[in-house]
Each structure stands twice: as C-alpha cells, then as structure tokens.
C-alpha cells in the first residue's frame, strides 16, 4: 500500500513515542502505527489501525498490545446502526463519524482531512473516543479553529485542554502542546 504520510512523535506528558502513517488502500485510507509509552499500570505497547472511507469517515479500527500485564485487543466498527466495540453495540454514538484513539495524535488526521476548517471560525467536531483504560467508546466534544495554514486552536472541554496545535505539511499534527511533538528523524 502506498504510504501517503508518516510521522514520529515524542510523548511529552510521560515517556513514550508513537510512529504513525497513512496508507492509501484503493478507495479507502488506513491510519496505523505503534505507540509505546509509560502508563500508570506499567509499560504500554500498542499497535493501532483505523480504516476510513474515501470521504474520511471511520468504518473500523483495532488496537492490540499490552498495558502493564493486561492484554489489549479492541475492535471498533461503525455500521448502519452505530458503533460496536468487540461486537457489543454502543448506544448514543450513531451520529458520530470520526473515531479517535485517545493515546495517539495520529487519528486527528482523519477529521482534519474530512472537514475544511474555515479561517477564524470555531468548528465543533465531536468524535467517538476510545479510552484504553475503560476499553470503551464515549463521545468527546472537540472544537477546532483554523488560525493559519499551520495553526489550529483546539479545545477538548471534557479534559479542560486547550492549545494551539501545529500542522506539518503532510497533514499530521506536528505539535500537540503538553502531549506530543514531532521527533526529528
């Protein structure tokens, strides 16, 4: 599969790294990578993959690996009737088209490709957010505001997080203040 974009991030709030990439797969896209980081339960090492359609809407994702001594194998799918986690329906999220893996900046890529953010206009983009600790999905409200070609004001009120994010030319986030930043390769 042709690789369209790739990035290596260094985690800022705990020791860790994430290597992500975007692949073209016919009429679909795949965002995938590997993240290794310090977690309160012990070392975390997870591999992730997210498939999106040609319009950048999530169809399914998978996260496998381990956090401390706990094995992780989570499959998330979006269908006609909403979201499922490991074949169990998740109520109340059917209106969401984006899947955000909370442990990586890679999955912000799909929202930023799907929505043309106008300059200076705050845009709410709620997502189905995967929390590895709970192994479940919840709705996460996010607000983006394009400040320039490379800067986005971002807020996630549920986490009291607000910052100016920096985009790389390849479309990935280069800087996610306090959480992630591009590692020079």
Protein backbone atom coordinates (compact mmCIF):
# COMPACT_ATOMS: atom_id res chain seq x y z
CA UNK A 1 0.00 0.00 0.00
CA UNK A 2 1.37 3.43 -0.86
CA UNK A 3 2.34 5.46 2.22
CA UNK A 4 0.91 8.97 1.93
CA UNK A 5 2.27 10.46 5.16
CA UNK A 6 4.28 9.36 8.18
CA UNK A 7 5.34 10.87 11.48
CA UNK A 8 7.33 10.01 14.59
CA UNK A 9 6.11 11.70 17.76
CA UNK A 10 7.64 12.01 21.20
CA UNK A 11 5.21 11.98 24.09
CA UNK A 12 5.56 14.95 26.46
CA UNK A 13 3.36 14.07 29.46
CA UNK A 14 5.04 10.67 30.00
CA UNK A 15 7.98 8.87 28.45
CA UNK A 16 6.96 7.44 25.09
CA UNK A 17 6.94 7.50 21.31
CA UNK A 18 4.46 6.88 18.52
CA UNK A 19 5.21 6.11 14.87
CA UNK A 20 2.19 6.58 12.62
CA UNK A 21 1.48 6.54 8.92
CA UNK A 22 -1.34 6.96 6.40
CA UNK A 23 -1.74 4.40 3.63
CA UNK A 24 -3.92 4.54 0.54
CA UNK A 25 -5.91 1.31 0.05
CA UNK A 26 -7.97 1.61 -3.12
CA UNK A 27 -10.87 3.90 -2.23
CA UNK A 28 -10.08 3.68 1.49
CA UNK A 29 -7.42 5.05 3.77
CA UNK A 30 -5.68 3.38 6.69
CA UNK A 31 -4.09 5.28 9.58
CA UNK A 32 -1.85 2.92 11.50
CA UNK A 33 1.12 2.80 13.81
CA UNK A 34 2.72 1.68 17.03
CA UNK A 35 2.82 3.58 20.32
CA UNK A 36 5.00 2.70 23.32
CA UNK A 37 4.69 4.79 26.46
CA UNK A 38 4.77 4.84 30.24
CA UNK A 39 1.35 4.21 31.75
CA UNK A 40 0.25 4.17 35.40
CA UNK A 41 -0.32 0.38 35.09
CA UNK A 42 3.12 -0.27 33.61
CA UNK A 43 4.76 -0.16 30.19
CA UNK A 44 2.31 0.19 27.30
CA UNK A 45 2.93 -1.07 23.80
CA UNK A 46 0.03 -0.88 21.38
CA UNK A 47 -0.42 -1.29 17.66
CA UNK A 48 -3.32 0.52 16.05
CA UNK A 49 -5.13 0.66 12.74
CA UNK A 50 -8.04 2.81 11.62
CA UNK A 51 -9.84 2.39 8.29
CA UNK A 52 -11.75 5.29 6.79
CA UNK A 53 -13.69 5.60 3.56
CA UNK A 54 -12.82 7.91 0.67
CA UNK A 55 -14.61 10.77 2.47
CA UNK A 56 -12.51 10.19 5.64
CA UNK A 57 -15.39 8.73 7.70
CA UNK A 58 -14.31 5.94 10.05
CA UNK A 59 -15.51 2.43 9.30
CA UNK A 60 -13.45 0.35 11.75
CA UNK A 61 -10.41 0.33 13.97
CA UNK A 62 -8.35 -2.08 16.00
CA UNK A 63 -5.94 -1.71 18.90
CA UNK A 64 -3.81 -4.62 20.12
CA UNK A 65 -0.95 -4.95 22.55
CA UNK A 66 -0.48 -4.65 26.30
CA UNK A 67 -0.62 -2.14 29.13
CA UNK A 68 1.35 -3.48 32.07
CA UNK A 69 0.19 -7.07 32.49
CA UNK A 70 -3.16 -6.51 30.72
CA UNK A 71 -3.59 -7.66 27.13
CA UNK A 72 -5.42 -5.28 24.81
CA UNK A 73 -7.45 -6.43 21.80
CA UNK A 74 -10.17 -3.96 20.92
CA UNK A 75 -12.07 -3.95 17.64
CA UNK A 76 -14.33 -0.97 16.92
CA UNK A 77 -16.72 -0.83 13.97
CA UNK A 78 -19.21 1.73 12.69
CA UNK A 79 -22.17 0.42 10.74
CA UNK A 80 -25.65 1.39 9.67
CA UNK A 81 -26.91 1.29 13.27
CA UNK A 82 -23.97 2.87 15.05
CA UNK A 83 -20.80 1.81 16.79
CA UNK A 84 -19.79 -1.57 18.21
CA UNK A 85 -16.84 -2.43 20.47
CA UNK A 86 -15.83 -6.09 20.25
CA UNK A 87 -19.28 -6.83 18.72
CA UNK A 88 -21.15 -5.10 21.56
CA UNK A 89 -23.34 -2.15 20.49
CA UNK A 90 -22.56 1.26 22.00
CA UNK A 91 -25.68 3.39 22.48
CA UNK A 92 -25.91 7.09 21.74
CA UNK A 93 -22.98 7.46 19.34
CA UNK A 94 -24.57 6.64 15.96
CA UNK A 95 -24.38 10.31 14.88
CA UNK A 96 -20.55 10.33 15.10
CA UNK A 97 -18.40 9.56 12.03
CA UNK A 98 -14.89 10.02 13.49
CA UNK A 99 -13.00 7.55 15.67
CA UNK A 100 -10.29 8.98 17.90
CA UNK A 101 -7.79 6.76 19.67
CA UNK A 102 -7.06 8.77 22.80
CA UNK A 103 -3.45 7.59 23.11
CA UNK A 104 -2.16 8.86 19.72
CA UNK A 105 -2.28 12.11 17.73
CA UNK A 106 -2.48 10.08 14.50
CA UNK A 107 -6.27 9.79 14.47
CA UNK A 108 -6.80 13.57 14.44
CA UNK A 109 -5.62 13.29 10.82
CA UNK A 110 -8.98 11.99 9.57
CA UNK A 111 -11.02 14.88 10.96
CA UNK A 112 -8.61 17.41 9.54
CA UNK A 113 -8.82 15.78 6.10
CA UNK A 114 -12.61 15.40 6.18
CA UNK A 115 -13.59 18.91 7.25
CA UNK A 116 -12.44 22.10 5.53
CA UNK A 117 -11.95 24.35 8.55
CA UNK A 118 -12.64 28.00 7.70
CA UNK A 119 -10.17 30.59 8.95
CA UNK A 120 -11.21 32.10 12.30
CA UNK A 121 -14.44 30.13 12.76
CA UNK A 122 -14.66 27.68 15.69
CA UNK A 123 -15.93 24.31 14.42
CA UNK A 124 -17.28 21.61 16.73
CA UNK A 125 -16.20 18.10 15.71
CA UNK A 126 -17.36 15.51 18.20
CA UNK A 127 -15.79 12.06 17.92
CA UNK A 128 -16.22 8.53 19.18
CA UNK A 129 -13.28 8.47 21.60
CA UNK A 130 -11.61 5.20 22.56
CA UNK A 131 -10.39 5.15 26.14
CA UNK A 132 -7.86 2.34 26.59
CA UNK A 133 -8.30 2.29 30.36
CA UNK A 134 -12.03 1.63 30.06
CA UNK A 135 -11.77 -0.29 26.74
CA UNK A 136 -14.85 1.62 25.63
CA UNK A 137 -16.18 4.45 23.50
CA UNK A 138 -17.60 7.76 24.63
CA UNK A 139 -18.45 10.96 22.82
CA UNK A 140 -15.69 13.55 23.05
CA UNK A 141 -16.58 17.09 22.10
CA UNK A 142 -13.76 18.91 20.34
CA UNK A 143 -13.56 22.39 18.88
CA UNK A 144 -11.09 23.39 16.17
CA UNK A 145 -10.44 26.89 14.87
CA UNK A 146 -8.04 27.43 11.99
CA UNK A 147 -5.71 30.34 12.78
CA UNK A 148 -3.40 29.95 9.77
CA UNK A 149 -2.32 27.28 7.28
CA UNK A 150 -0.32 25.55 10.01
CA UNK A 151 -2.01 26.58 13.28
CA UNK A 152 -5.26 25.35 14.80
CA UNK A 153 -6.76 26.42 18.08
CA UNK A 154 -8.10 23.28 19.73
CA UNK A 155 -10.23 22.56 22.80
CA UNK A 156 -11.43 19.36 24.45
CA UNK A 157 -13.62 20.72 27.28
CA UNK A 158 -14.06 17.30 28.95
CA UNK A 159 -10.32 17.33 29.71
CA UNK A 160 -10.04 21.09 30.29
CA UNK A 161 -7.48 21.05 27.48
CA UNK A 162 -6.97 24.00 25.15
CA UNK A 163 -3.94 24.73 22.99
CA UNK A 164 -2.69 25.87 19.62
CA UNK A 165 -1.81 22.82 17.54
CA UNK A 166 0.71 22.95 14.71
CA UNK A 167 0.22 21.06 11.46
CA UNK A 168 3.04 19.52 9.45
CA UNK A 169 3.00 19.81 5.63
CA UNK A 170 1.91 16.14 5.39
CA UNK A 171 -1.33 16.83 7.33
CA UNK A 172 -0.34 15.22 10.63
CA UNK A 173 -0.16 17.27 13.80
CA UNK A 174 3.43 18.32 14.37
CA UNK A 175 2.92 19.79 17.81
CA UNK A 176 0.22 18.97 20.37
CA UNK A 177 1.37 21.13 23.31
CA UNK A 178 1.94 19.27 26.57
CA UNK A 179 1.13 15.90 24.96
CA UNK A 180 3.04 15.18 21.72
CA UNK A 181 5.53 16.72 19.35
CA UNK A 182 7.26 15.61 16.18
CA UNK A 183 10.54 13.83 16.78
CA UNK A 184 13.28 14.70 14.29
CA UNK A 185 14.32 11.69 12.22
